[in-house]
């Protein structure tokens, strides 16, 4: 059985830690990044099963822009926070 990967894109370490703990405990592999460019790169490389995406991020790209770029090459489900 393939382990499902979830990518968390958020710049709040406490929130990322909490979500990572809960998802890991339920059997998911959790990846996390804190900015848009890394989110796009990680999506292309790791091909997660789901992205949890914060709307307000540092680095010049917001969640909408990240989702738009990801949609250029992937149909991965995205939940915006």
PDB file of N, CA and C in Angstrom:
ATOM      1  N   UNK A   1       0.841  -1.195   0.000  1.00  0.00           N
ATOM      2  CA  UNK A   1       0.000   0.000   0.000  1.00  0.00           C
ATOM      3  C   UNK A   1       0.882   1.254   0.000  1.00  0.00           C
ATOM      4  N   UNK A   2       0.582   2.160  -0.902  1.00  0.00           N
ATOM      5  CA  UNK A   2       1.368   3.384  -1.001  1.00  0.00           C
ATOM      6  C   UNK A   2       1.002   4.342   0.133  1.00  0.00           C
ATOM      7  N   UNK A   3       2.025   4.911   0.746  1.00  0.00           N
ATOM      8  CA  UNK A   3       1.807   5.882   1.807  1.00  0.00           C
ATOM      9  C   UNK A   3       1.377   7.202   1.177  1.00  0.00           C
ATOM     10  N   UNK A   4       0.294   7.769   1.650  1.00  0.00           N
ATOM     11  CA  UNK A   4      -0.210   9.030   1.114  1.00  0.00           C
ATOM     12  C   UNK A   4       0.600  10.194   1.685  1.00  0.00           C
ATOM     13  N   UNK A   5       0.998  11.112   0.793  1.00  0.00           N
ATOM     14  CA  UNK A   5       1.772  12.278   1.192  1.00  0.00           C
ATOM     15  C   UNK A   5       0.877  13.514   1.183  1.00  0.00           C
ATOM     16  N   UNK A   6       1.000  14.308   2.231  1.00  0.00           N
ATOM     17  CA  UNK A   6       0.286  15.575   2.325  1.00  0.00           C
ATOM     18  C   UNK A   6       1.323  16.680   2.470  1.00  0.00           C
ATOM     19  N   UNK A   7       1.199  17.701   1.637  1.00  0.00           N
ATOM     20  CA  UNK A   7       2.090  18.854   1.696  1.00  0.00           C
ATOM     21  C   UNK A   7       1.391  19.992   2.429  1.00  0.00           C
ATOM     22  N   UNK A   8       2.017  20.451   3.503  1.00  0.00           N
ATOM     23  CA  UNK A   8       1.516  21.605   4.253  1.00  0.00           C
ATOM     24  C   UNK A   8       2.325  22.813   3.815  1.00  0.00           C
ATOM     25  N   UNK A   9       1.634  23.871   3.396  1.00  0.00           N
ATOM     26  CA  UNK A   9       2.298  25.109   2.999  1.00  0.00           C
ATOM     27  C   UNK A   9       1.801  26.193   3.951  1.00  0.00           C
ATOM     28  N   UNK A  10       2.622  26.488   4.963  1.00  0.00           N
ATOM     29  CA  UNK A  10       2.236  27.458   5.981  1.00  0.00           C
ATOM     30  C   UNK A  10       3.491  27.998   6.642  1.00  0.00           C
ATOM     31  N   UNK A  11       3.462  29.261   7.038  1.00  0.00           N
ATOM     32  CA  UNK A  11       4.632  29.885   7.652  1.00  0.00           C
ATOM     33  C   UNK A  11       4.535  29.973   9.174  1.00  0.00           C
ATOM     34  N   UNK A  12       3.535  29.341   9.775  1.00  0.00           N
ATOM     35  CA  UNK A  12       3.396  29.345  11.229  1.00  0.00           C
ATOM     36  C   UNK A  12       3.871  28.007  11.787  1.00  0.00           C
ATOM     37  N   UNK A  13       5.074  27.967  12.379  1.00  0.00           N
ATOM     38  CA  UNK A  13       5.658  26.707  12.844  1.00  0.00           C
ATOM     39  C   UNK A  13       4.787  25.916  13.817  1.00  0.00           C
ATOM     40  N   UNK A  14       4.095  26.589  14.712  1.00  0.00           N
ATOM     41  CA  UNK A  14       3.253  25.872  15.682  1.00  0.00           C
ATOM     42  C   UNK A  14       2.107  25.143  14.986  1.00  0.00           C
ATOM     43  N   UNK A  15       1.496  25.793  14.029  1.00  0.00           N
ATOM     44  CA  UNK A  15       0.406  25.168  13.281  1.00  0.00           C
ATOM     45  C   UNK A  15       0.922  23.988  12.462  1.00  0.00           C
ATOM     46  N   UNK A  16       2.046  24.178  11.797  1.00  0.00           N
ATOM     47  CA  UNK A  16       2.636  23.098  10.999  1.00  0.00           C
ATOM     48  C   UNK A  16       2.954  21.906  11.898  1.00  0.00           C
ATOM     49  N   UNK A  17       3.522  22.167  13.059  1.00  0.00           N
ATOM     50  CA  UNK A  17       3.865  21.092  13.992  1.00  0.00           C
ATOM     51  C   UNK A  17       2.615  20.322  14.423  1.00  0.00           C
ATOM     52  N   UNK A  18       1.569  21.030  14.783  1.00  0.00           N
ATOM     53  CA  UNK A  18       0.333  20.395  15.234  1.00  0.00           C
ATOM     54  C   UNK A  18      -0.288  19.539  14.120  1.00  0.00           C
ATOM     55  N   UNK A  19      -0.410  20.101  12.941  1.00  0.00           N
ATOM     56  CA  UNK A  19      -1.011  19.367  11.832  1.00  0.00           C
ATOM     57  C   UNK A  19      -0.145  18.171  11.452  1.00  0.00           C
ATOM     58  N   UNK A  20       1.174  18.347  11.458  1.00  0.00           N
ATOM     59  CA  UNK A  20       2.093  17.246  11.148  1.00  0.00           C
ATOM     60  C   UNK A  20       1.915  16.094  12.143  1.00  0.00           C
ATOM     61  N   UNK A  21       1.816  16.411  13.415  1.00  0.00           N
ATOM     62  CA  UNK A  21       1.653  15.375  14.446  1.00  0.00           C
ATOM     63  C   UNK A  21       0.358  14.588  14.248  1.00  0.00           C
ATOM     64  N   UNK A  22      -0.727  15.294  14.010  1.00  0.00           N
ATOM     65  CA  UNK A  22      -2.022  14.632  13.843  1.00  0.00           C
ATOM     66  C   UNK A  22      -2.031  13.762  12.589  1.00  0.00           C
ATOM     67  N   UNK A  23      -1.558  14.307  11.480  1.00  0.00           N
ATOM     68  CA  UNK A  23      -1.575  13.548  10.234  1.00  0.00           C
ATOM     69  C   UNK A  23      -0.607  12.374  10.267  1.00  0.00           C
ATOM     70  N   UNK A  24       0.562  12.566  10.849  1.00  0.00           N
ATOM     71  CA  UNK A  24       1.537  11.473  10.963  1.00  0.00           C
ATOM     72  C   UNK A  24       0.984  10.345  11.820  1.00  0.00           C
ATOM     73  N   UNK A  25       0.284  10.693  12.886  1.00  0.00           N
ATOM     74  CA  UNK A  25      -0.283   9.692  13.787  1.00  0.00           C
ATOM     75  C   UNK A  25      -1.376   8.867  13.111  1.00  0.00           C
ATOM     76  N   UNK A  26      -1.971   9.418  12.061  1.00  0.00           N
ATOM     77  CA  UNK A  26      -3.018   8.683  11.349  1.00  0.00           C
ATOM     78  C   UNK A  26      -2.505   8.007  10.083  1.00  0.00           C
ATOM     79  N   UNK A  27      -1.173   7.992   9.906  1.00  0.00           N
ATOM     80  CA  UNK A  27      -0.578   7.211   8.838  1.00  0.00           C
ATOM     81  C   UNK A  27      -0.169   7.944   7.577  1.00  0.00           C
ATOM     82  N   UNK A  28      -0.196   9.261   7.596  1.00  0.00           N
ATOM     83  CA  UNK A  28       0.212  10.025   6.420  1.00  0.00           C
ATOM     84  C   UNK A  28       1.676  10.422   6.508  1.00  0.00           C
ATOM     85  N   UNK A  29       2.318  10.511   5.351  1.00  0.00           N
ATOM     86  CA  UNK A  29       3.647  11.108   5.283  1.00  0.00           C
ATOM     87  C   UNK A  29       3.418  12.598   5.090  1.00  0.00           C
ATOM     88  N   UNK A  30       4.032  13.416   5.919  1.00  0.00           N
ATOM     89  CA  UNK A  30       3.782  14.852   5.878  1.00  0.00           C
ATOM     90  C   UNK A  30       5.039  15.594   5.452  1.00  0.00           C
ATOM     91  N   UNK A  31       4.868  16.445   4.458  1.00  0.00           N
ATOM     92  CA  UNK A  31       5.921  17.336   3.993  1.00  0.00           C
ATOM     93  C   UNK A  31       5.470  18.749   4.327  1.00  0.00           C
ATOM     94  N   UNK A  32       6.418  19.652   4.597  1.00  0.00           N
ATOM     95  CA  UNK A  32       6.036  21.022   4.936  1.00  0.00           C
ATOM     96  C   UNK A  32       7.041  22.012   4.363  1.00  0.00           C
ATOM     97  N   UNK A  33       6.513  23.107   3.848  1.00  0.00           N
ATOM     98  CA  UNK A  33       7.313  24.231   3.375  1.00  0.00           C
ATOM     99  C   UNK A  33       6.627  25.514   3.825  1.00  0.00           C
ATOM    100  N   UNK A  34       7.377  26.618   3.803  1.00  0.00           N
ATOM    101  CA  UNK A  34       6.819  27.858   4.334  1.00  0.00           C
ATOM    102  C   UNK A  34       6.691  28.984   3.318  1.00  0.00           C
ATOM    103  N   UNK A  35       6.966  28.706   2.028  1.00  0.00           N
ATOM    104  CA  UNK A  35       6.807  29.761   1.024  1.00  0.00           C
ATOM    105  C   UNK A  35       6.387  29.162  -0.316  1.00  0.00           C
ATOM    106  N   UNK A  36       5.983  30.038  -1.208  1.00  0.00           N
ATOM    107  CA  UNK A  36       5.407  29.617  -2.467  1.00  0.00           C
ATOM    108  C   UNK A  36       6.340  28.892  -3.419  1.00  0.00           C
ATOM    109  N   UNK A  37       7.548  29.399  -3.577  1.00  0.00           N
ATOM    110  CA  UNK A  37       8.468  28.755  -4.512  1.00  0.00           C
ATOM    111  C   UNK A  37       8.788  27.330  -4.089  1.00  0.00           C
ATOM    112  N   UNK A  38       9.019  27.139  -2.794  1.00  0.00           N
ATOM    113  CA  UNK A  38       9.277  25.793  -2.304  1.00  0.00           C
ATOM    114  C   UNK A  38       8.038  24.906  -2.436  1.00  0.00           C
ATOM    115  N   UNK A  39       6.870  25.472  -2.279  1.00  0.00           N
ATOM    116  CA  UNK A  39       5.632  24.700  -2.427  1.00  0.00           C
ATOM    117  C   UNK A  39       5.488  24.172  -3.853  1.00  0.00           C
ATOM    118  N   UNK A  40       5.777  25.015  -4.813  1.00  0.00           N
ATOM    119  CA  UNK A  40       5.679  24.604  -6.216  1.00  0.00           C
ATOM    120  C   UNK A  40       6.717  23.530  -6.528  1.00  0.00           C
ATOM    121  N   UNK A  41       7.949  23.748  -6.066  1.00  0.00           N
ATOM    122  CA  UNK A  41       9.013  22.767  -6.286  1.00  0.00           C
ATOM    123  C   UNK A  41       8.673  21.428  -5.638  1.00  0.00           C
ATOM    124  N   UNK A  42       8.226  21.474  -4.394  1.00  0.00           N
ATOM    125  CA  UNK A  42       7.923  20.249  -3.655  1.00  0.00           C
ATOM    126  C   UNK A  42       6.764  19.493  -4.304  1.00  0.00           C
ATOM    127  N   UNK A  43       5.786  20.223  -4.812  1.00  0.00           N
ATOM    128  CA  UNK A  43       4.659  19.580  -5.496  1.00  0.00           C
ATOM    129  C   UNK A  43       5.145  18.852  -6.755  1.00  0.00           C
ATOM    130  N   UNK A  44       6.000  19.491  -7.504  1.00  0.00           N
ATOM    131  CA  UNK A  44       6.514  18.878  -8.734  1.00  0.00           C
ATOM    132  C   UNK A  44       7.372  17.652  -8.437  1.00  0.00           C
ATOM    133  N   UNK A  45       8.183  17.733  -7.406  1.00  0.00           N
ATOM    134  CA  UNK A  45       9.110  16.640  -7.095  1.00  0.00           C
ATOM    135  C   UNK A  45       8.424  15.483  -6.371  1.00  0.00           C
ATOM    136  N   UNK A  46       7.677  15.795  -5.332  1.00  0.00           N
ATOM    137  CA  UNK A  46       7.113  14.767  -4.448  1.00  0.00           C
ATOM    138  C   UNK A  46       5.729  14.282  -4.854  1.00  0.00           C
ATOM    139  N   UNK A  47       5.021  15.037  -5.678  1.00  0.00           N
ATOM    140  CA  UNK A  47       3.672  14.698  -6.126  1.00  0.00           C
ATOM    141  C   UNK A  47       2.775  14.254  -4.961  1.00  0.00           C
ATOM    142  N   UNK A  48       2.487  15.179  -4.042  1.00  0.00           N
ATOM    143  CA  UNK A  48       1.656  14.826  -2.891  1.00  0.00           C
ATOM    144  C   UNK A  48       0.232  14.459  -3.296  1.00  0.00           C
ATOM    145  N   UNK A  49      -0.466  13.779  -2.394  1.00  0.00           N
ATOM    146  CA  UNK A  49      -1.857  13.397  -2.620  1.00  0.00           C
ATOM    147  C   UNK A  49      -2.811  14.544  -2.305  1.00  0.00           C
ATOM    148  N   UNK A  50      -2.332  15.505  -1.496  1.00  0.00           N
ATOM    149  CA  UNK A  50      -3.143  16.642  -1.057  1.00  0.00           C
ATOM    150  C   UNK A  50      -2.218  17.777  -0.651  1.00  0.00           C
ATOM    151  N   UNK A  51      -2.660  19.014  -0.884  1.00  0.00           N
ATOM    152  CA  UNK A  51      -1.927  20.186  -0.403  1.00  0.00           C
ATOM    153  C   UNK A  51      -2.842  20.960   0.538  1.00  0.00           C
ATOM    154  N   UNK A  52      -2.351  21.262   1.733  1.00  0.00           N
ATOM    155  CA  UNK A  52      -3.010  22.184   2.661  1.00  0.00           C
ATOM    156  C   UNK A  52      -2.273  23.506   2.509  1.00  0.00           C
ATOM    157  N   UNK A  53      -2.936  24.513   1.979  1.00  0.00           N
ATOM    158  CA  UNK A  53      -2.280  25.740   1.532  1.00  0.00           C
ATOM    159  C   UNK A  53      -2.811  26.963   2.270  1.00  0.00           C
ATOM    160  N   UNK A  54      -1.913  27.656   2.949  1.00  0.00           N
ATOM    161  CA  UNK A  54      -2.250  28.916   3.607  1.00  0.00           C
ATOM    162  C   UNK A  54      -2.404  29.997   2.539  1.00  0.00           C
ATOM    163  N   UNK A  55      -3.310  30.937   2.749  1.00  0.00           N
ATOM    164  CA  UNK A  55      -3.517  32.007   1.772  1.00  0.00           C
ATOM    165  C   UNK A  55      -2.469  33.111   1.878  1.00  0.00           C
ATOM    166  N   UNK A  56      -2.059  33.436   3.092  1.00  0.00           N
ATOM    167  CA  UNK A  56      -1.123  34.539   3.315  1.00  0.00           C
ATOM    168  C   UNK A  56       0.252  33.974   3.660  1.00  0.00           C
ATOM    169  N   UNK A  57       1.199  34.155   2.748  1.00  0.00           N
ATOM    170  CA  UNK A  57       2.547  33.612   2.925  1.00  0.00           C
ATOM    171  C   UNK A  57       3.594  34.678   2.612  1.00  0.00           C
ATOM    172  N   UNK A  58       4.786  34.531   3.191  1.00  0.00           N
ATOM    173  CA  UNK A  58       5.873  35.447   2.844  1.00  0.00           C
ATOM    174  C   UNK A  58       6.473  35.080   1.492  1.00  0.00           C
ATOM    175  N   UNK A  59       7.256  35.966   0.929  1.00  0.00           N
ATOM    176  CA  UNK A  59       7.997  35.645  -0.277  1.00  0.00           C
ATOM    177  C   UNK A  59       7.355  36.107  -1.561  1.00  0.00           C
ATOM    178  N   UNK A  60       6.337  36.935  -1.485  1.00  0.00           N
ATOM    179  CA  UNK A  60       5.791  37.519  -2.695  1.00  0.00           C
ATOM    180  C   UNK A  60       4.696  36.740  -3.395  1.00  0.00           C
ATOM    181  N   UNK A  61       4.395  35.518  -2.953  1.00  0.00           N
ATOM    182  CA  UNK A  61       3.313  34.746  -3.577  1.00  0.00           C
ATOM    183  C   UNK A  61       2.275  34.400  -2.525  1.00  0.00           C
ATOM    184  N   UNK A  62       1.012  34.643  -2.833  1.00  0.00           N
ATOM    185  CA  UNK A  62      -0.044  34.225  -1.906  1.00  0.00           C
ATOM    186  C   UNK A  62      -0.574  32.856  -2.326  1.00  0.00           C
ATOM    187  N   UNK A  63      -1.481  32.319  -1.545  1.00  0.00           N
ATOM    188  CA  UNK A  63      -2.016  30.990  -1.804  1.00  0.00           C
ATOM    189  C   UNK A  63      -2.702  30.858  -3.148  1.00  0.00           C
ATOM    190  N   UNK A  64      -3.405  31.894  -3.583  1.00  0.00           N
ATOM    191  CA  UNK A  64      -4.081  31.849  -4.879  1.00  0.00           C
ATOM    192  C   UNK A  64      -3.064  31.732  -6.020  1.00  0.00           C
ATOM    193  N   UNK A  65      -1.985  32.492  -5.924  1.00  0.00           N
ATOM    194  CA  UNK A  65      -0.949  32.447  -6.962  1.00  0.00           C
ATOM    195  C   UNK A  65      -0.251  31.090  -6.993  1.00  0.00           C
ATOM    196  N   UNK A  66      -0.015  30.533  -5.819  1.00  0.00           N
ATOM    197  CA  UNK A  66       0.619  29.216  -5.735  1.00  0.00           C
ATOM    198  C   UNK A  66      -0.291  28.167  -6.369  1.00  0.00           C
ATOM    199  N   UNK A  67      -1.570  28.197  -6.010  1.00  0.00           N
ATOM    200  CA  UNK A  67      -2.526  27.235  -6.564  1.00  0.00           C
ATOM    201  C   UNK A  67      -2.590  27.358  -8.089  1.00  0.00           C
ATOM    202  N   UNK A  68      -2.566  28.563  -8.590  1.00  0.00           N
ATOM    203  CA  UNK A  68      -2.613  28.782 -10.040  1.00  0.00           C
ATOM    204  C   UNK A  68      -1.392  28.165 -10.716  1.00  0.00           C
ATOM    205  N   UNK A  69      -0.210  28.344 -10.125  1.00  0.00           N
ATOM    206  CA  UNK A  69       1.020  27.770 -10.701  1.00  0.00           C
ATOM    207  C   UNK A  69       0.998  26.243 -10.632  1.00  0.00           C
ATOM    208  N   UNK A  70       0.511  25.704  -9.502  1.00  0.00           N
ATOM    209  CA  UNK A  70       0.437  24.248  -9.352  1.00  0.00           C
ATOM    210  C   UNK A  70      -0.510  23.670 -10.398  1.00  0.00           C
ATOM    211  N   UNK A  71      -1.612  24.345 -10.674  1.00  0.00           N
ATOM    212  CA  UNK A  71      -2.590  23.864 -11.645  1.00  0.00           C
ATOM    213  C   UNK A  71      -2.038  23.786 -13.066  1.00  0.00           C
ATOM    214  N   UNK A  72      -0.922  24.450 -13.319  1.00  0.00           N
ATOM    215  CA  UNK A  72      -0.305  24.388 -14.640  1.00  0.00           C
ATOM    216  C   UNK A  72       0.250  22.995 -14.942  1.00  0.00           C
ATOM    217  N   UNK A  73       0.529  22.203 -13.874  1.00  0.00           N
ATOM    218  CA  UNK A  73       1.127  20.887 -14.095  1.00  0.00           C
ATOM    219  C   UNK A  73       0.542  19.769 -13.235  1.00  0.00           C
ATOM    220  N   UNK A  74      -0.414  20.084 -12.363  1.00  0.00           N
ATOM    221  CA  UNK A  74      -0.931  19.055 -11.459  1.00  0.00           C
ATOM    222  C   UNK A  74      -2.406  19.274 -11.153  1.00  0.00           C
ATOM    223  N   UNK A  75      -3.109  18.171 -10.935  1.00  0.00           N
ATOM    224  CA  UNK A  75      -4.524  18.208 -10.520  1.00  0.00           C
ATOM    225  C   UNK A  75      -4.667  17.807  -9.062  1.00  0.00           C
ATOM    226  N   UNK A  76      -3.597  17.888  -8.288  1.00  0.00           N
ATOM    227  CA  UNK A  76      -3.638  17.511  -6.871  1.00  0.00           C
ATOM    228  C   UNK A  76      -4.725  18.321  -6.158  1.00  0.00           C
ATOM    229  N   UNK A  77      -5.515  17.682  -5.288  1.00  0.00           N
ATOM    230  CA  UNK A  77      -6.498  18.456  -4.516  1.00  0.00           C
ATOM    231  C   UNK A  77      -5.793  19.469  -3.604  1.00  0.00           C
ATOM    232  N   UNK A  78      -6.377  20.649  -3.494  1.00  0.00           N
ATOM    233  CA  UNK A  78      -5.820  21.717  -2.668  1.00  0.00           C
ATOM    234  C   UNK A  78      -6.903  22.198  -1.713  1.00  0.00           C
ATOM    235  N   UNK A  79      -6.584  22.210  -0.435  1.00  0.00           N
ATOM    236  CA  UNK A  79      -7.465  22.814   0.572  1.00  0.00           C
ATOM    237  C   UNK A  79      -6.788  24.081   1.035  1.00  0.00           C
ATOM    238  N   UNK A  80      -7.457  25.208   0.856  1.00  0.00           N
ATOM    239  CA  UNK A  80      -6.902  26.493   1.268  1.00  0.00           C
ATOM    240  C   UNK A  80      -7.335  26.813   2.679  1.00  0.00           C
ATOM    241  N   UNK A  81      -6.358  27.264   3.465  1.00  0.00           N
ATOM    242  CA  UNK A  81      -6.621  27.605   4.870  1.00  0.00           C
ATOM    243  C   UNK A  81      -6.708  29.100   5.030  1.00  0.00           C
TER     244      UNK A  81
END
